[in-house]
Amino acid sequence: MRHAGSADITRGRGATAPAALIVTLGLAGASWVVSVRRMSRMDMGVATQLGSFGLFVVVWVLMMAAMMLPGAVPAVLRRAHANDQVRAVPVFVGSYLAVWTLVGLAVFALYRPHGSVAAGVVAIAAGVYELTPLKQRCRQRCRDSVGSGFEFGLYCVGSSIGLMLILVALSVMSIGWMAIVTAVVVAQKLVPRRAAFDVPLALAIVGLGVLIIVAPSSVPGLMPSM
């Protein structure tokens, strides 16, 4: 009986990680599908309107689930393994997304339709932020084991806030820019820091900001179609 009980525990632990992975990526995938449908007619570049508060919050939470959960998979798996149960995953993910929801509330309060100069300045500032010690510390903490979804969310906000501001500045409802920012965010969460990659990325973001200011019409999706 003792051996059977040990085997059951081992099987239970072995099933926790795949189940947590399926739940997390399944939620991210579903959020992408709904986000694309919701945002398909809302993208107007820098002139994008956020709409009503309720609609924006729904769309923002879907966007954060779609963009941030793929890169959060290692942290989710660590949490599931530490608790040896899948039901720890919704609490971790929920508190993680709650942090990003608070960021969304700040975006809603501060956002205004703007011009290309403002968008370019934000992109330049985001590129500079990529090289700051705060960014690097938060990025490392995103890769380390943390105690809760809330704590993990705070560090990930510190790591990814510059990239998210680029999305907000260029077009907060753009599926194309959302996909690009997601790819960078996920890569930074999964790949260790390397100056050979990080510095060119930061310079490219700064260059994008300059391009937005001097030649906004050359940046896809930036200016509303006439």
Protein backbone atom coordinates (compact mmCIF):
# COMPACT_ATOMS: atom_id res chain seq x y z
CA MET A 1 0.00 0.00 0.00
CA ARG A 2 2.87 2.34 0.79
CA HIS A 3 4.42 1.72 -2.60
CA ALA A 4 1.08 2.30 -4.34
CA GLY A 5 0.59 5.59 -2.49
CA SER A 6 4.07 6.78 -3.47
CA ALA A 7 3.40 5.87 -7.07
CA ASP A 8 0.14 7.84 -7.03
CA ILE A 9 1.92 10.89 -5.65
CA THR A 10 4.63 10.62 -8.30
CA ARG A 11 2.04 10.32 -11.06
CA GLY A 12 0.16 13.30 -9.65
CA ARG A 13 3.31 15.41 -9.65
CA GLY A 14 4.14 14.27 -13.16
CA ALA A 15 0.73 15.36 -14.41
CA THR A 16 0.85 18.79 -12.77
CA ALA A 17 3.30 20.43 -15.18
CA PRO A 18 1.55 19.36 -18.43
CA ALA A 19 -1.83 20.41 -17.06
CA ALA A 20 -0.46 23.79 -15.97
CA LEU A 21 1.14 24.25 -19.38
CA ILE A 22 -2.09 23.41 -21.19
CA VAL A 23 -4.15 25.75 -19.00
CA THR A 24 -1.74 28.69 -19.41
CA LEU A 25 -1.15 28.39 -23.14
CA GLY A 26 -4.81 27.56 -23.75
CA LEU A 27 -5.85 30.77 -22.02
CA ALA A 28 -3.26 32.74 -23.99
CA GLY A 29 -4.42 31.22 -27.29
CA ALA A 30 -8.08 31.88 -26.58
CA SER A 31 -7.23 35.46 -25.60
CA TRP A 32 -5.46 35.98 -28.91
CA VAL A 33 -8.50 34.79 -30.85
CA VAL A 34 -10.91 37.06 -28.97
CA SER A 35 -8.48 40.01 -29.03
CA VAL A 36 -8.16 39.83 -32.81
CA ARG A 37 -11.93 39.85 -33.19
CA ARG A 38 -12.42 42.69 -30.72
CA MET A 39 -9.62 44.90 -32.04
CA SER A 40 -10.11 44.40 -35.79
CA ARG A 41 -12.00 47.70 -36.27
CA MET A 42 -10.48 49.73 -33.44
CA ASP A 43 -6.99 50.42 -34.85
CA MET A 44 -6.55 54.02 -36.03
CA GLY A 45 -2.84 54.43 -35.32
CA VAL A 46 -1.93 57.37 -33.11
CA ALA A 47 -5.51 58.64 -33.44
CA THR A 48 -6.98 55.53 -31.79
CA GLN A 49 -9.79 56.18 -29.33
CA LEU A 50 -10.03 53.85 -26.31
CA GLY A 51 -13.81 53.78 -26.18
CA SER A 52 -15.81 53.20 -23.01
CA PHE A 53 -14.11 52.22 -19.76
CA GLY A 54 -15.77 48.80 -19.62
CA LEU A 55 -14.90 47.88 -23.18
CA PHE A 56 -11.30 49.01 -22.76
CA VAL A 57 -10.80 46.99 -19.58
CA VAL A 58 -12.13 43.83 -21.25
CA VAL A 59 -9.93 44.32 -24.32
CA TRP A 60 -6.88 45.22 -22.20
CA VAL A 61 -7.16 42.12 -19.98
CA LEU A 62 -7.51 39.94 -23.08
CA MET A 63 -4.45 41.61 -24.59
CA MET A 64 -2.39 41.06 -21.45
CA ALA A 65 -3.40 37.41 -21.24
CA ALA A 66 -2.47 36.95 -24.89
CA MET A 67 0.81 38.84 -24.73
CA MET A 68 2.18 38.04 -21.28
CA LEU A 69 1.13 34.48 -20.47
CA PRO A 70 3.38 32.72 -23.04
CA GLY A 71 6.46 34.27 -21.44
CA ALA A 72 5.13 33.53 -17.95
CA VAL A 73 4.98 29.76 -18.56
CA PRO A 74 8.26 28.97 -16.70
CA ALA A 75 7.08 30.89 -13.63
CA VAL A 76 3.66 29.21 -13.77
CA LEU A 77 5.28 25.78 -13.98
CA ARG A 78 7.51 26.57 -11.01
CA ARG A 79 4.47 27.61 -8.99
CA ALA A 80 2.53 24.50 -9.97
CA HIS A 81 5.50 22.28 -9.12
CA ALA A 82 6.04 23.98 -5.76
CA ASN A 83 2.41 23.40 -4.76
CA ASP A 84 2.07 20.03 -6.52
CA GLN A 85 -1.39 20.99 -7.71
CA VAL A 86 -2.89 22.58 -10.80
CA ARG A 87 -5.37 24.67 -8.83
CA ALA A 88 -2.48 26.91 -7.73
CA VAL A 89 -2.18 28.05 -11.35
CA PRO A 90 -5.41 30.15 -11.59
CA VAL A 91 -4.51 32.07 -8.43
CA PHE A 92 -0.99 32.77 -9.69
CA VAL A 93 -2.16 33.74 -13.19
CA GLY A 94 -5.08 35.79 -11.84
CA SER A 95 -2.89 37.86 -9.51
CA TYR A 96 -0.30 38.28 -12.29
CA LEU A 97 -2.93 39.61 -14.70
CA ALA A 98 -4.36 41.81 -11.93
CA VAL A 99 -1.08 43.75 -11.88
CA TRP A 100 -1.27 44.30 -15.62
CA THR A 101 -4.92 45.33 -15.23
CA LEU A 102 -3.81 48.10 -12.88
CA VAL A 103 -1.39 49.23 -15.58
CA GLY A 104 -4.34 49.29 -17.98
CA LEU A 105 -6.30 51.53 -15.63
CA ALA A 106 -3.40 53.98 -15.63
CA VAL A 107 -3.26 53.84 -19.44
CA PHE A 108 -6.98 54.60 -19.68
CA ALA A 109 -6.65 57.55 -17.31
CA LEU A 110 -3.63 59.09 -19.05
CA TYR A 111 -4.05 58.16 -22.71
CA ARG A 112 -5.06 60.73 -25.30
CA PRO A 113 -4.99 60.50 -29.10
CA HIS A 114 -1.70 62.12 -30.08
CA GLY A 115 0.64 62.93 -32.95
CA SER A 116 3.66 61.23 -34.43
CA VAL A 117 6.12 63.41 -32.51
CA ALA A 118 4.74 62.23 -29.17
CA ALA A 119 4.79 58.62 -30.38
CA GLY A 120 8.41 58.99 -31.50
CA VAL A 121 9.51 60.53 -28.21
CA VAL A 122 7.91 57.64 -26.30
CA ALA A 123 9.68 55.09 -28.53
CA ILE A 124 13.04 56.80 -28.02
CA ALA A 125 12.51 56.87 -24.25
CA ALA A 126 11.57 53.17 -24.33
CA GLY A 127 14.76 52.34 -26.22
CA VAL A 128 16.87 54.20 -23.66
CA TYR A 129 15.00 52.43 -20.82
CA GLU A 130 16.02 49.06 -22.27
CA LEU A 131 19.62 49.78 -21.21
CA THR A 132 18.93 51.03 -17.68
CA PRO A 133 19.88 49.05 -14.54
CA LEU A 134 16.22 49.06 -13.43
CA LYS A 135 15.15 47.34 -16.63
CA GLN A 136 17.91 44.75 -16.33
CA ARG A 137 17.18 44.02 -12.68
CA CYS A 138 13.45 43.61 -13.30
CA ARG A 139 14.11 41.40 -16.31
CA GLN A 140 16.37 39.14 -14.25
CA ARG A 141 13.78 38.91 -11.48
CA CYS A 142 11.22 37.93 -14.12
CA ARG A 143 13.42 34.95 -14.91
CA ASP A 144 14.07 34.04 -11.25
CA SER A 145 11.72 32.23 -8.94
CA VAL A 146 9.33 34.61 -7.16
CA GLY A 147 6.83 34.05 -4.41
CA SER A 148 3.50 35.10 -5.91
CA GLY A 149 1.81 36.10 -9.11
CA PHE A 150 1.51 39.65 -7.79
CA GLU A 151 5.26 39.91 -7.12
CA PHE A 152 6.03 38.32 -10.47
CA GLY A 153 3.70 40.80 -12.15
CA LEU A 154 5.41 43.79 -10.55
CA TYR A 155 8.82 42.71 -11.80
CA CYS A 156 7.47 41.92 -15.25
CA VAL A 157 5.86 45.34 -15.46
CA GLY A 158 9.25 46.84 -14.64
CA SER A 159 10.84 44.70 -17.33
CA SER A 160 8.29 45.22 -20.10
CA ILE A 161 6.79 48.65 -19.42
CA GLY A 162 8.93 50.37 -22.06
CA LEU A 163 7.86 47.90 -24.74
CA MET A 164 4.22 48.26 -23.71
CA LEU A 165 4.47 52.04 -23.93
CA ILE A 166 5.67 51.65 -27.52
CA LEU A 167 2.48 49.71 -28.27
CA VAL A 168 0.34 52.35 -26.57
CA ALA A 169 2.12 55.19 -28.38
CA LEU A 170 2.02 53.63 -31.86
CA SER A 171 -1.46 52.11 -31.67
CA VAL A 172 -2.79 50.40 -28.60
CA MET A 173 -5.32 48.45 -30.67
CA SER A 174 -2.96 47.31 -33.44
CA ILE A 175 -2.76 43.54 -33.87
CA GLY A 176 0.45 43.89 -35.86
CA TRP A 177 2.32 45.93 -33.26
CA MET A 178 0.84 43.77 -30.53
CA ALA A 179 2.37 40.67 -32.16
CA ILE A 180 5.78 42.36 -32.53
CA VAL A 181 5.85 43.55 -28.92
CA THR A 182 4.70 40.11 -27.73
CA ALA A 183 7.59 38.42 -29.56
CA VAL A 184 10.12 40.74 -27.90
CA VAL A 185 8.54 40.40 -24.45
CA VAL A 186 8.49 36.59 -24.63
CA ALA A 187 12.07 36.44 -25.92
CA GLN A 188 13.31 38.65 -23.08
CA LYS A 189 11.58 36.47 -20.49
CA LEU A 190 12.94 33.22 -21.89
CA VAL A 191 16.41 34.17 -23.17
CA PRO A 192 19.23 35.29 -20.82
CA ARG A 193 20.54 38.82 -21.12
CA ARG A 194 23.23 39.28 -23.77
CA ALA A 195 24.67 42.62 -24.79
CA ALA A 196 25.12 41.34 -28.34
CA PHE A 197 21.32 41.19 -28.65
CA ASP A 198 20.07 43.70 -26.09
CA VAL A 199 22.08 46.72 -27.23
CA PRO A 200 21.13 46.42 -30.93
CA LEU A 201 17.49 45.99 -29.90
CA ALA A 202 17.62 49.16 -27.80
CA LEU A 203 19.28 51.07 -30.64
CA ALA A 204 16.68 49.75 -33.09
CA ILE A 205 13.87 51.03 -30.85
CA VAL A 206 15.55 54.44 -30.62
CA GLY A 207 15.94 54.41 -34.41
CA LEU A 208 12.25 53.58 -34.76
CA GLY A 209 11.42 56.58 -32.60
CA VAL A 210 13.54 58.86 -34.76
CA LEU A 211 11.90 57.45 -37.91
CA ILE A 212 8.45 58.05 -36.46
CA ILE A 213 9.31 61.72 -35.90
CA VAL A 214 11.01 62.45 -39.23
CA ALA A 215 9.01 60.18 -41.54
CA PRO A 216 5.79 59.01 -39.87
CA SER A 217 4.20 57.94 -43.13
CA SER A 218 6.89 55.27 -43.55
CA VAL A 219 5.85 53.46 -40.35
CA PRO A 220 3.05 50.95 -41.07
CA GLY A 221 -0.21 51.58 -39.24
CA LEU A 222 1.00 54.74 -37.50
CA MET A 223 -1.18 57.28 -39.29
CA PRO A 224 -4.93 56.74 -39.79
CA SER A 225 -5.94 55.90 -43.33
CA MET A 226 -7.69 58.71 -45.18
